[in-house]
Amino acid sequence: VIIYTLWLAMLLSGIEGLQMYNPKTQSWLQAHAQARYVILQVLLE
């Protein structure tokens, strides 16, 4: 359960991290949020 929770929470943070993306400048405003979004993309791929 701990393994599953750790992985699931990481992916969830990847989605929630979109709050810290600026579409106008196409830039990320927070290092951890970008990192977790990248991980989400790797695992979707």
ModelCIF file with pLDDT and N, C-alpha, C, O atoms, coordinates in Angstrom:
data_MODEL
#
_entry.id   MODEL 
#
_entity.id                         1 
_entity.type                       polymer 
_entity.pdbx_number_of_molecules   1 
#
_entity_poly.entity_id                      1 
_entity_poly.type                           'polypeptide(L)' 
_entity_poly.nstd_linkage                   no 
_entity_poly.nstd_monomer                   no 
_entity_poly.pdbx_seq_one_letter_code       VIIYTLWLAMLLSGIEGLQMYNPKTQSWLQAHAQARYVILQVLLE 
_entity_poly.pdbx_seq_one_letter_code_can   VIIYTLWLAMLLSGIEGLQMYNPKTQSWLQAHAQARYVILQVLLE 
_entity_poly.pdbx_strand_id                 A 
#
loop_
_entity_poly_seq.entity_id 
_entity_poly_seq.num 
_entity_poly_seq.mon_id 
_entity_poly_seq.hetero 
1 1  VAL n 
1 2  ILE n 
1 3  ILE n 
1 4  TYR n 
1 5  THR n 
1 6  LEU n 
1 7  TRP n 
1 8  LEU n 
1 9  ALA n 
1 10 MET n 
1 11 LEU n 
1 12 LEU n 
1 13 SER n 
1 14 GLY n 
1 15 ILE n 
1 16 GLU n 
1 17 GLY n 
1 18 LEU n 
1 19 GLN n 
1 20 MET n 
1 21 TYR n 
1 22 ASN n 
1 23 PRO n 
1 24 LYS n 
1 25 THR n 
1 26 GLN n 
1 27 SER n 
1 28 TRP n 
1 29 LEU n 
1 30 GLN n 
1 31 ALA n 
1 32 HIS n 
1 33 ALA n 
1 34 GLN n 
1 35 ALA n 
1 36 ARG n 
1 37 TYR n 
1 38 VAL n 
1 39 ILE n 
1 40 LEU n 
1 41 GLN n 
1 42 VAL n 
1 43 LEU n 
1 44 LEU n 
1 45 GLU n 
#
_struct_asym.id          A 
_struct_asym.entity_id   1 
#
loop_
_ma_qa_metric.id 
_ma_qa_metric.mode 
_ma_qa_metric.name 
_ma_qa_metric.software_group_id 
_ma_qa_metric.type 
1 global pLDDT . pLDDT 
2 local  pLDDT . pLDDT 
#
_ma_qa_metric_global.metric_id      1 
_ma_qa_metric_global.metric_value   95.62 
_ma_qa_metric_global.model_id       1 
_ma_qa_metric_global.ordinal_id     1 
#
loop_
_ma_qa_metric_local.label_asym_id 
_ma_qa_metric_local.label_comp_id 
_ma_qa_metric_local.label_seq_id 
_ma_qa_metric_local.metric_id 
_ma_qa_metric_local.metric_value 
_ma_qa_metric_local.model_id 
_ma_qa_metric_local.ordinal_id 
A VAL 1  2 98.00 1 1  
A ILE 2  2 98.00 1 2  
A ILE 3  2 98.00 1 3  
A TYR 4  2 98.00 1 4  
A THR 5  2 98.00 1 5  
A LEU 6  2 98.00 1 6  
A TRP 7  2 98.00 1 7  
A LEU 8  2 98.00 1 8  
A ALA 9  2 97.00 1 9  
A MET 10 2 98.00 1 10 
A LEU 11 2 98.00 1 11 
A LEU 12 2 97.00 1 12 
A SER 13 2 97.00 1 13 
A GLY 14 2 97.00 1 14 
A ILE 15 2 97.00 1 15 
A GLU 16 2 96.00 1 16 
A GLY 17 2 95.00 1 17 
A LEU 18 2 96.00 1 18 
A GLN 19 2 94.00 1 19 
A MET 20 2 92.00 1 20 
A TYR 21 2 95.00 1 21 
A ASN 22 2 91.00 1 22 
A PRO 23 2 92.00 1 23 
A LYS 24 2 88.00 1 24 
A THR 25 2 88.00 1 25 
A GLN 26 2 91.00 1 26 
A SER 27 2 91.00 1 27 
A TRP 28 2 95.00 1 28 
A LEU 29 2 89.00 1 29 
A GLN 30 2 92.00 1 30 
A ALA 31 2 93.00 1 31 
A HIS 32 2 95.00 1 32 
A ALA 33 2 95.00 1 33 
A GLN 34 2 97.00 1 34 
A ALA 35 2 97.00 1 35 
A ARG 36 2 98.00 1 36 
A TYR 37 2 98.00 1 37 
A VAL 38 2 98.00 1 38 
A ILE 39 2 98.00 1 39 
A LEU 40 2 98.00 1 40 
A GLN 41 2 98.00 1 41 
A VAL 42 2 98.00 1 42 
A LEU 43 2 98.00 1 43 
A LEU 44 2 97.00 1 44 
A GLU 45 2 95.00 1 45 
#
loop_
_atom_site.group_PDB 
_atom_site.id 
_atom_site.type_symbol 
_atom_site.label_atom_id 
_atom_site.label_alt_id 
_atom_site.label_comp_id 
_atom_site.label_asym_id 
_atom_site.label_entity_id 
_atom_site.label_seq_id 
_atom_site.pdbx_PDB_ins_code 
_atom_site.Cartn_x 
_atom_site.Cartn_y 
_atom_site.Cartn_z 
_atom_site.occupancy 
_atom_site.B_iso_or_equiv 
_atom_site.pdbx_formal_charge 
_atom_site.auth_seq_id 
_atom_site.auth_comp_id 
_atom_site.auth_asym_id 
_atom_site.auth_atom_id 
_atom_site.pdbx_PDB_model_num 
ATOM 1   N N  . VAL A 1 1  ? 0.836  -1.204 0.000   1.00 98.00 ? 1  VAL A N  1 
ATOM 2   C CA . VAL A 1 1  ? 0.000  0.000  0.000   1.00 98.00 ? 1  VAL A CA 1 
ATOM 3   C C  . VAL A 1 1  ? 0.873  1.257  0.000   1.00 98.00 ? 1  VAL A C  1 
ATOM 4   O O  . VAL A 1 1  ? 0.537  2.236  -0.667  1.00 98.00 ? 1  VAL A O  1 
ATOM 5   N N  . ILE A 1 2  ? 1.976  1.245  0.731   1.00 98.00 ? 2  ILE A N  1 
ATOM 6   C CA . ILE A 1 2  ? 2.885  2.396  0.774   1.00 98.00 ? 2  ILE A CA 1 
ATOM 7   C C  . ILE A 1 2  ? 3.489  2.638  -0.612  1.00 98.00 ? 2  ILE A C  1 
ATOM 8   O O  . ILE A 1 2  ? 3.570  3.779  -1.065  1.00 98.00 ? 2  ILE A O  1 
ATOM 9   N N  . ILE A 1 3  ? 3.909  1.573  -1.275  1.00 98.00 ? 3  ILE A N  1 
ATOM 10  C CA . ILE A 1 3  ? 4.466  1.713  -2.636  1.00 98.00 ? 3  ILE A CA 1 
ATOM 11  C C  . ILE A 1 3  ? 3.430  2.341  -3.558  1.00 98.00 ? 3  ILE A C  1 
ATOM 12  O O  . ILE A 1 3  ? 3.717  3.301  -4.274  1.00 98.00 ? 3  ILE A O  1 
ATOM 13  N N  . TYR A 1 4  ? 2.229  1.790  -3.532  1.00 98.00 ? 4  TYR A N  1 
ATOM 14  C CA . TYR A 1 4  ? 1.165  2.296  -4.404  1.00 98.00 ? 4  TYR A CA 1 
ATOM 15  C C  . TYR A 1 4  ? 0.866  3.763  -4.102  1.00 98.00 ? 4  TYR A C  1 
ATOM 16  O O  . TYR A 1 4  ? 0.717  4.571  -5.019  1.00 98.00 ? 4  TYR A O  1 
ATOM 17  N N  . THR A 1 5  ? 0.781  4.101  -2.831  1.00 98.00 ? 5  THR A N  1 
ATOM 18  C CA . THR A 1 5  ? 0.464  5.478  -2.435  1.00 98.00 ? 5  THR A CA 1 
ATOM 19  C C  . THR A 1 5  ? 1.555  6.434  -2.893  1.00 98.00 ? 5  THR A C  1 
ATOM 20  O O  . THR A 1 5  ? 1.260  7.520  -3.391  1.00 98.00 ? 5  THR A O  1 
ATOM 21  N N  . LEU A 1 6  ? 2.814  6.037  -2.729  1.00 98.00 ? 6  LEU A N  1 
ATOM 22  C CA . LEU A 1 6  ? 3.933  6.900  -3.122  1.00 98.00 ? 6  LEU A CA 1 
ATOM 23  C C  . LEU A 1 6  ? 3.883  7.184  -4.624  1.00 98.00 ? 6  LEU A C  1 
ATOM 24  O O  . LEU A 1 6  ? 4.037  8.331  -5.045  1.00 98.00 ? 6  LEU A O  1 
ATOM 25  N N  . TRP A 1 7  ? 3.669  6.151  -5.425  1.00 98.00 ? 7  TRP A N  1 
ATOM 26  C CA . TRP A 1 7  ? 3.606  6.328  -6.878  1.00 98.00 ? 7  TRP A CA 1 
ATOM 27  C C  . TRP A 1 7  ? 2.372  7.134  -7.275  1.00 98.00 ? 7  TRP A C  1 
ATOM 28  O O  . TRP A 1 7  ? 2.466  8.039  -8.104  1.00 98.00 ? 7  TRP A O  1 
ATOM 29  N N  . LEU A 1 8  ? 1.231  6.817  -6.697  1.00 98.00 ? 8  LEU A N  1 
ATOM 30  C CA . LEU A 1 8  ? -0.006 7.514  -7.056  1.00 98.00 ? 8  LEU A CA 1 
ATOM 31  C C  . LEU A 1 8  ? 0.073  8.989  -6.680  1.00 98.00 ? 8  LEU A C  1 
ATOM 32  O O  . LEU A 1 8  ? -0.349 9.851  -7.452  1.00 98.00 ? 8  LEU A O  1 
ATOM 33  N N  . ALA A 1 9  ? 0.612  9.282  -5.500  1.00 97.00 ? 9  ALA A N  1 
ATOM 34  C CA . ALA A 1 9  ? 0.729  10.677 -5.058  1.00 97.00 ? 9  ALA A CA 1 
ATOM 35  C C  . ALA A 1 9  ? 1.658  11.466 -5.978  1.00 97.00 ? 9  ALA A C  1 
ATOM 36  O O  . ALA A 1 9  ? 1.428  12.649 -6.230  1.00 97.00 ? 9  ALA A O  1 
ATOM 37  N N  . MET A 1 10 ? 2.706  10.811 -6.480  1.00 98.00 ? 10 MET A N  1 
ATOM 38  C CA . MET A 1 10 ? 3.618  11.482 -7.411  1.00 98.00 ? 10 MET A CA 1 
ATOM 39  C C  . MET A 1 10 ? 2.891  11.863 -8.696  1.00 98.00 ? 10 MET A C  1 
ATOM 40  O O  . MET A 1 10 ? 3.045  12.980 -9.191  1.00 98.00 ? 10 MET A O  1 
ATOM 41  N N  . LEU A 1 11 ? 2.109  10.948 -9.230  1.00 98.00 ? 11 LEU A N  1 
ATOM 42  C CA . LEU A 1 11 ? 1.372  11.215 -10.465 1.00 98.00 ? 11 LEU A CA 1 
ATOM 43  C C  . LEU A 1 11 ? 0.305  12.283 -10.247 1.00 98.00 ? 11 LEU A C  1 
ATOM 44  O O  . LEU A 1 11 ? 0.100  13.155 -11.092 1.00 98.00 ? 11 LEU A O  1 
ATOM 45  N N  . LEU A 1 12 ? -0.364 12.203 -9.113  1.00 97.00 ? 12 LEU A N  1 
ATOM 46  C CA . LEU A 1 12 ? -1.380 13.213 -8.789  1.00 97.00 ? 12 LEU A CA 1 
ATOM 47  C C  . LEU A 1 12 ? -0.744 14.601 -8.712  1.00 97.00 ? 12 LEU A C  1 
ATOM 48  O O  . LEU A 1 12 ? -1.321 15.578 -9.187  1.00 97.00 ? 12 LEU A O  1 
ATOM 49  N N  . SER A 1 13 ? 0.437  14.684 -8.116  1.00 97.00 ? 13 SER A N  1 
ATOM 50  C CA . SER A 1 13 ? 1.154  15.966 -8.051  1.00 97.00 ? 13 SER A CA 1 
ATOM 51  C C  . SER A 1 13 ? 1.499  16.473 -9.444  1.00 97.00 ? 13 SER A C  1 
ATOM 52  O O  . SER A 1 13 ? 1.554  17.680 -9.674  1.00 97.00 ? 13 SER A O  1 
ATOM 53  N N  . GLY A 1 14 ? 1.735  15.541 -10.379 1.00 97.00 ? 14 GLY A N  1 
ATOM 54  C CA . GLY A 1 14 ? 2.013  15.940 -11.758 1.00 97.00 ? 14 GLY A CA 1 
ATOM 55  C C  . GLY A 1 14 ? 0.843  16.653 -12.400 1.00 97.00 ? 14 GLY A C  1 
ATOM 56  O O  . GLY A 1 14 ? 1.031  17.599 -13.164 1.00 97.00 ? 14 GLY A O  1 
ATOM 57  N N  . ILE A 1 15 ? -0.366 16.205 -12.097 1.00 97.00 ? 15 ILE A N  1 
ATOM 58  C CA . ILE A 1 15 ? -1.565 16.872 -12.616 1.00 97.00 ? 15 ILE A CA 1 
ATOM 59  C C  . ILE A 1 15 ? -1.790 18.194 -11.901 1.00 97.00 ? 15 ILE A C  1 
ATOM 60  O O  . ILE A 1 15 ? -2.021 19.219 -12.541 1.00 97.00 ? 15 ILE A O  1 
ATOM 61  N N  . GLU A 1 16 ? -1.725 18.172 -10.581 1.00 96.00 ? 16 GLU A N  1 
ATOM 62  C CA . GLU A 1 16 ? -1.973 19.395 -9.810  1.00 96.00 ? 16 GLU A CA 1 
ATOM 63  C C  . GLU A 1 16 ? -0.925 20.466 -10.100 1.00 96.00 ? 16 GLU A C  1 
ATOM 64  O O  . GLU A 1 16 ? -1.182 21.660 -9.950  1.00 96.00 ? 16 GLU A O  1 
ATOM 65  N N  . GLY A 1 17 ? 0.259  20.018 -10.518 1.00 95.00 ? 17 GLY A N  1 
ATOM 66  C CA . GLY A 1 17 ? 1.330  20.962 -10.835 1.00 95.00 ? 17 GLY A CA 1 
ATOM 67  C C  . GLY A 1 17 ? 1.024  21.854 -12.018 1.00 95.00 ? 17 GLY A C  1 
ATOM 68  O O  . GLY A 1 17 ? 1.695  22.868 -12.210 1.00 95.00 ? 17 GLY A O  1 
ATOM 69  N N  . LEU A 1 18 ? 0.017  21.501 -12.827 1.00 96.00 ? 18 LEU A N  1 
ATOM 70  C CA . LEU A 1 18 ? -0.360 22.347 -13.958 1.00 96.00 ? 18 LEU A CA 1 
ATOM 71  C C  . LEU A 1 18 ? -0.778 23.745 -13.516 1.00 96.00 ? 18 LEU A C  1 
ATOM 72  O O  . LEU A 1 18 ? -0.762 24.678 -14.319 1.00 96.00 ? 18 LEU A O  1 
ATOM 73  N N  . GLN A 1 19 ? -1.152 23.897 -12.251 1.00 94.00 ? 19 GLN A N  1 
ATOM 74  C CA . GLN A 1 19 ? -1.453 25.227 -11.714 1.00 94.00 ? 19 GLN A CA 1 
ATOM 75  C C  . GLN A 1 19 ? -0.242 26.145 -11.842 1.00 94.00 ? 19 GLN A C  1 
ATOM 76  O O  . GLN A 1 19 ? -0.386 27.366 -11.905 1.00 94.00 ? 19 GLN A O  1 
ATOM 77  N N  . MET A 1 20 ? 0.942  25.559 -11.880 1.00 92.00 ? 20 MET A N  1 
ATOM 78  C CA . MET A 1 20 ? 2.170  26.333 -11.874 1.00 92.00 ? 20 MET A CA 1 
ATOM 79  C C  . MET A 1 20 ? 2.841  26.372 -13.245 1.00 92.00 ? 20 MET A C  1 
ATOM 80  O O  . MET A 1 20 ? 4.049  26.574 -13.368 1.00 92.00 ? 20 MET A O  1 
ATOM 81  N N  . TYR A 1 21 ? 2.016  26.173 -14.264 1.00 95.00 ? 21 TYR A N  1 
ATOM 82  C CA . TYR A 1 21 ? 2.467  26.330 -15.653 1.00 95.00 ? 21 TYR A CA 1 
ATOM 83  C C  . TYR A 1 21 ? 1.791  27.560 -16.235 1.00 95.00 ? 21 TYR A C  1 
ATOM 84  O O  . TYR A 1 21 ? 0.589  27.758 -16.058 1.00 95.00 ? 21 TYR A O  1 
ATOM 85  N N  . ASN A 1 22 ? 2.568  28.390 -16.931 1.00 91.00 ? 22 ASN A N  1 
ATOM 86  C CA . ASN A 1 22 ? 2.015  29.584 -17.543 1.00 91.00 ? 22 ASN A CA 1 
ATOM 87  C C  . ASN A 1 22 ? 1.885  29.376 -19.048 1.00 91.00 ? 22 ASN A C  1 
ATOM 88  O O  . ASN A 1 22 ? 2.897  29.314 -19.747 1.00 91.00 ? 22 ASN A O  1 
ATOM 89  N N  . PRO A 1 23 ? 0.653  29.267 -19.563 1.00 92.00 ? 23 PRO A N  1 
ATOM 90  C CA . PRO A 1 23 ? 0.470  28.996 -20.998 1.00 92.00 ? 23 PRO A CA 1 
ATOM 91  C C  . PRO A 1 23 ? 0.979  30.123 -21.883 1.00 92.00 ? 23 PRO A C  1 
ATOM 92  O O  . PRO A 1 23 ? 1.456  29.875 -22.990 1.00 92.00 ? 23 PRO A O  1 
ATOM 93  N N  . LYS A 1 24 ? 0.881  31.366 -21.402 1.00 88.00 ? 24 LYS A N  1 
ATOM 94  C CA . LYS A 1 24 ? 1.253  32.503 -22.243 1.00 88.00 ? 24 LYS A CA 1 
ATOM 95  C C  . LYS A 1 24 ? 2.747  32.495 -22.542 1.00 88.00 ? 24 LYS A C  1 
ATOM 96  O O  . LYS A 1 24 ? 3.156  32.739 -23.677 1.00 88.00 ? 24 LYS A O  1 
ATOM 97  N N  . THR A 1 25 ? 3.556  32.219 -21.535 1.00 88.00 ? 25 THR A N  1 
ATOM 98  C CA . THR A 1 25 ? 5.009  32.192 -21.730 1.00 88.00 ? 25 THR A CA 1 
ATOM 99  C C  . THR A 1 25 ? 5.532  30.780 -21.986 1.00 88.00 ? 25 THR A C  1 
ATOM 100 O O  . THR A 1 25 ? 6.718  30.580 -22.250 1.00 88.00 ? 25 THR A O  1 
ATOM 101 N N  . GLN A 1 26 ? 4.613  29.793 -21.903 1.00 91.00 ? 26 GLN A N  1 
ATOM 102 C CA . GLN A 1 26 ? 4.983  28.389 -22.053 1.00 91.00 ? 26 GLN A CA 1 
ATOM 103 C C  . GLN A 1 26 ? 6.138  28.027 -21.123 1.00 91.00 ? 26 GLN A C  1 
ATOM 104 O O  . GLN A 1 26 ? 7.126  27.415 -21.530 1.00 91.00 ? 26 GLN A O  1 
ATOM 105 N N  . SER A 1 27 ? 5.982  28.421 -19.877 1.00 91.00 ? 27 SER A N  1 
ATOM 106 C CA . SER A 1 27 ? 7.054  28.197 -18.906 1.00 91.00 ? 27 SER A CA 1 
ATOM 107 C C  . SER A 1 27 ? 6.482  27.677 -17.591 1.00 91.00 ? 27 SER A C  1 
ATOM 108 O O  . SER A 1 27 ? 5.328  27.926 -17.243 1.00 91.00 ? 27 SER A O  1 
ATOM 109 N N  . TRP A 1 28 ? 7.330  26.949 -16.878 1.00 95.00 ? 28 TRP A N  1 
ATOM 110 C CA . TRP A 1 28 ? 6.977  26.434 -15.556 1.00 95.00 ? 28 TRP A CA 1 
ATOM 111 C C  . TRP A 1 28 ? 7.455  27.414 -14.502 1.00 95.00 ? 28 TRP A C  1 
ATOM 112 O O  . TRP A 1 28 ? 8.531  28.000 -14.618 1.00 95.00 ? 28 TRP A O  1 
ATOM 113 N N  . LEU A 1 29 ? 6.631  27.585 -13.464 1.00 89.00 ? 29 LEU A N  1 
ATOM 114 C CA . LEU A 1 29 ? 6.930  28.573 -12.429 1.00 89.00 ? 29 LEU A CA 1 
ATOM 115 C C  . LEU A 1 29 ? 7.451  27.931 -11.148 1.00 89.00 ? 29 LEU A C  1 
ATOM 116 O O  . LEU A 1 29 ? 7.754  28.636 -10.185 1.00 89.00 ? 29 LEU A O  1 
ATOM 117 N N  . GLN A 1 30 ? 7.561  26.599 -11.121 1.00 92.00 ? 30 GLN A N  1 
ATOM 118 C CA . GLN A 1 30 ? 8.016  25.943 -9.899  1.00 92.00 ? 30 GLN A CA 1 
ATOM 119 C C  . GLN A 1 30 ? 8.736  24.653 -10.261 1.00 92.00 ? 30 GLN A C  1 
ATOM 120 O O  . GLN A 1 30 ? 8.231  23.844 -11.040 1.00 92.00 ? 30 GLN A O  1 
ATOM 121 N N  . ALA A 1 31 ? 9.915  24.470 -9.688  1.00 93.00 ? 31 ALA A N  1 
ATOM 122 C CA . ALA A 1 31 ? 10.794 23.362 -10.082 1.00 93.00 ? 31 ALA A CA 1 
ATOM 123 C C  . ALA A 1 31 ? 10.187 21.997 -9.784  1.00 93.00 ? 31 ALA A C  1 
ATOM 124 O O  . ALA A 1 31 ? 10.214 21.115 -10.643 1.00 93.00 ? 31 ALA A O  1 
ATOM 125 N N  . HIS A 1 32 ? 9.635  21.799 -8.574  1.00 95.00 ? 32 HIS A N  1 
ATOM 126 C CA . HIS A 1 32 ? 9.091  20.497 -8.196  1.00 95.00 ? 32 HIS A CA 1 
ATOM 127 C C  . HIS A 1 32 ? 7.854  20.155 -9.023  1.00 95.00 ? 32 HIS A C  1 
ATOM 128 O O  . HIS A 1 32 ? 7.666  19.005 -9.420  1.00 95.00 ? 32 HIS A O  1 
ATOM 129 N N  . ALA A 1 33 ? 7.006  21.160 -9.282  1.00 95.00 ? 33 ALA A N  1 
ATOM 130 C CA . ALA A 1 33 ? 5.801  20.924 -10.068 1.00 95.00 ? 33 ALA A CA 1 
ATOM 131 C C  . ALA A 1 33 ? 6.162  20.454 -11.475 1.00 95.00 ? 33 ALA A C  1 
ATOM 132 O O  . ALA A 1 33 ? 5.560  19.515 -11.996 1.00 95.00 ? 33 ALA A O  1 
ATOM 133 N N  . GLN A 1 34 ? 7.140  21.108 -12.082 1.00 97.00 ? 34 GLN A N  1 
ATOM 134 C CA . GLN A 1 34 ? 7.590  20.698 -13.412 1.00 97.00 ? 34 GLN A CA 1 
ATOM 135 C C  . GLN A 1 34 ? 8.156  19.283 -13.370 1.00 97.00 ? 34 GLN A C  1 
ATOM 136 O O  . GLN A 1 34 ? 7.870  18.472 -14.251 1.00 97.00 ? 34 GLN A O  1 
ATOM 137 N N  . ALA A 1 35 ? 8.953  18.986 -12.354 1.00 97.00 ? 35 ALA A N  1 
ATOM 138 C CA . ALA A 1 35 ? 9.580  17.672 -12.234 1.00 97.00 ? 35 ALA A CA 1 
ATOM 139 C C  . ALA A 1 35 ? 8.532  16.560 -12.173 1.00 97.00 ? 35 ALA A C  1 
ATOM 140 O O  . ALA A 1 35 ? 8.685  15.523 -12.819 1.00 97.00 ? 35 ALA A O  1 
ATOM 141 N N  . ARG A 1 36 ? 7.484  16.775 -11.407 1.00 98.00 ? 36 ARG A N  1 
ATOM 142 C CA . ARG A 1 36 ? 6.463  15.738 -11.237 1.00 98.00 ? 36 ARG A CA 1 
ATOM 143 C C  . ARG A 1 36 ? 5.601  15.606 -12.488 1.00 98.00 ? 36 ARG A C  1 
ATOM 144 O O  . ARG A 1 36 ? 5.131  14.513 -12.807 1.00 98.00 ? 36 ARG A O  1 
ATOM 145 N N  . TYR A 1 37 ? 5.392  16.711 -13.193 1.00 98.00 ? 37 TYR A N  1 
ATOM 146 C CA . TYR A 1 37 ? 4.680  16.641 -14.470 1.00 98.00 ? 37 TYR A CA 1 
ATOM 147 C C  . TYR A 1 37 ? 5.495  15.840 -15.478 1.00 98.00 ? 37 TYR A C  1 
ATOM 148 O O  . TYR A 1 37 ? 4.937  15.031 -16.219 1.00 98.00 ? 37 TYR A O  1 
ATOM 149 N N  . VAL A 1 38 ? 6.797  16.054 -15.512 1.00 98.00 ? 38 VAL A N  1 
ATOM 150 C CA . VAL A 1 38 ? 7.683  15.295 -16.401 1.00 98.00 ? 38 VAL A CA 1 
ATOM 151 C C  . VAL A 1 38 ? 7.564  13.799 -16.110 1.00 98.00 ? 38 VAL A C  1 
ATOM 152 O O  . VAL A 1 38 ? 7.474  12.991 -17.034 1.00 98.00 ? 38 VAL A O  1 
ATOM 153 N N  . ILE A 1 39 ? 7.564  13.434 -14.836 1.00 98.00 ? 39 ILE A N  1 
ATOM 154 C CA . ILE A 1 39 ? 7.440  12.021 -14.463 1.00 98.00 ? 39 ILE A CA 1 
ATOM 155 C C  . ILE A 1 39 ? 6.101  11.452 -14.930 1.00 98.00 ? 39 ILE A C  1 
ATOM 156 O O  . ILE A 1 39 ? 6.035  10.325 -15.420 1.00 98.00 ? 39 ILE A O  1 
ATOM 157 N N  . LEU A 1 40 ? 5.038  12.236 -14.776 1.00 98.00 ? 40 LEU A N  1 
ATOM 158 C CA . LEU A 1 40 ? 3.727  11.810 -15.270 1.00 98.00 ? 40 LEU A CA 1 
ATOM 159 C C  . LEU A 1 40 ? 3.780  11.516 -16.766 1.00 98.00 ? 40 LEU A C  1 
ATOM 160 O O  . LEU A 1 40 ? 3.229  10.513 -17.221 1.00 98.00 ? 40 LEU A O  1 
ATOM 161 N N  . GLN A 1 41 ? 4.443  12.388 -17.536 1.00 98.00 ? 41 GLN A N  1 
ATOM 162 C CA . GLN A 1 41 ? 4.540  12.188 -18.980 1.00 98.00 ? 41 GLN A CA 1 
ATOM 163 C C  . GLN A 1 41 ? 5.340  10.931 -19.320 1.00 98.00 ? 41 GLN A C  1 
ATOM 164 O O  . GLN A 1 41 ? 4.979  10.189 -20.234 1.00 98.00 ? 41 GLN A O  1 
ATOM 165 N N  . VAL A 1 42 ? 6.409  10.698 -18.595 1.00 98.00 ? 42 VAL A N  1 
ATOM 166 C CA . VAL A 1 42 ? 7.231  9.506  -18.831 1.00 98.00 ? 42 VAL A CA 1 
ATOM 167 C C  . VAL A 1 42 ? 6.399  8.245  -18.623 1.00 98.00 ? 42 VAL A C  1 
ATOM 168 O O  . VAL A 1 42 ? 6.508  7.292  -19.394 1.00 98.00 ? 42 VAL A O  1 
ATOM 169 N N  . LEU A 1 43 ? 5.575  8.239  -17.590 1.00 98.00 ? 43 LEU A N  1 
ATOM 170 C CA . LEU A 1 43 ? 4.796  7.037  -17.270 1.00 98.00 ? 43 LEU A CA 1 
ATOM 171 C C  . LEU A 1 43 ? 3.569  6.890  -18.161 1.00 98.00 ? 43 LEU A C  1 
ATOM 172 O O  . LEU A 1 43 ? 3.117  5.769  -18.395 1.00 98.00 ? 43 LEU A O  1 
ATOM 173 N N  . LEU A 1 44 ? 3.026  7.979  -18.657 1.00 97.00 ? 44 LEU A N  1 
ATOM 174 C CA . LEU A 1 44 ? 1.965  7.876  -19.660 1.00 97.00 ? 44 LEU A CA 1 
ATOM 175 C C  . LEU A 1 44 ? 2.527  7.318  -20.966 1.00 97.00 ? 44 LEU A C  1 
ATOM 176 O O  . LEU A 1 44 ? 1.860  6.554  -21.664 1.00 97.00 ? 44 LEU A O  1 
ATOM 177 N N  . GLU A 1 45 ? 3.743  7.703  -21.285 1.00 95.00 ? 45 GLU A N  1 
ATOM 178 C CA . GLU A 1 45 ? 4.388  7.286  -22.533 1.00 95.00 ? 45 GLU A CA 1 
ATOM 179 C C  . GLU A 1 45 ? 4.695  5.795  -22.552 1.00 95.00 ? 45 GLU A C  1 
ATOM 180 O O  . GLU A 1 45 ? 5.239  5.289  -23.534 1.00 95.00 ? 45 GLU A O  1 
#
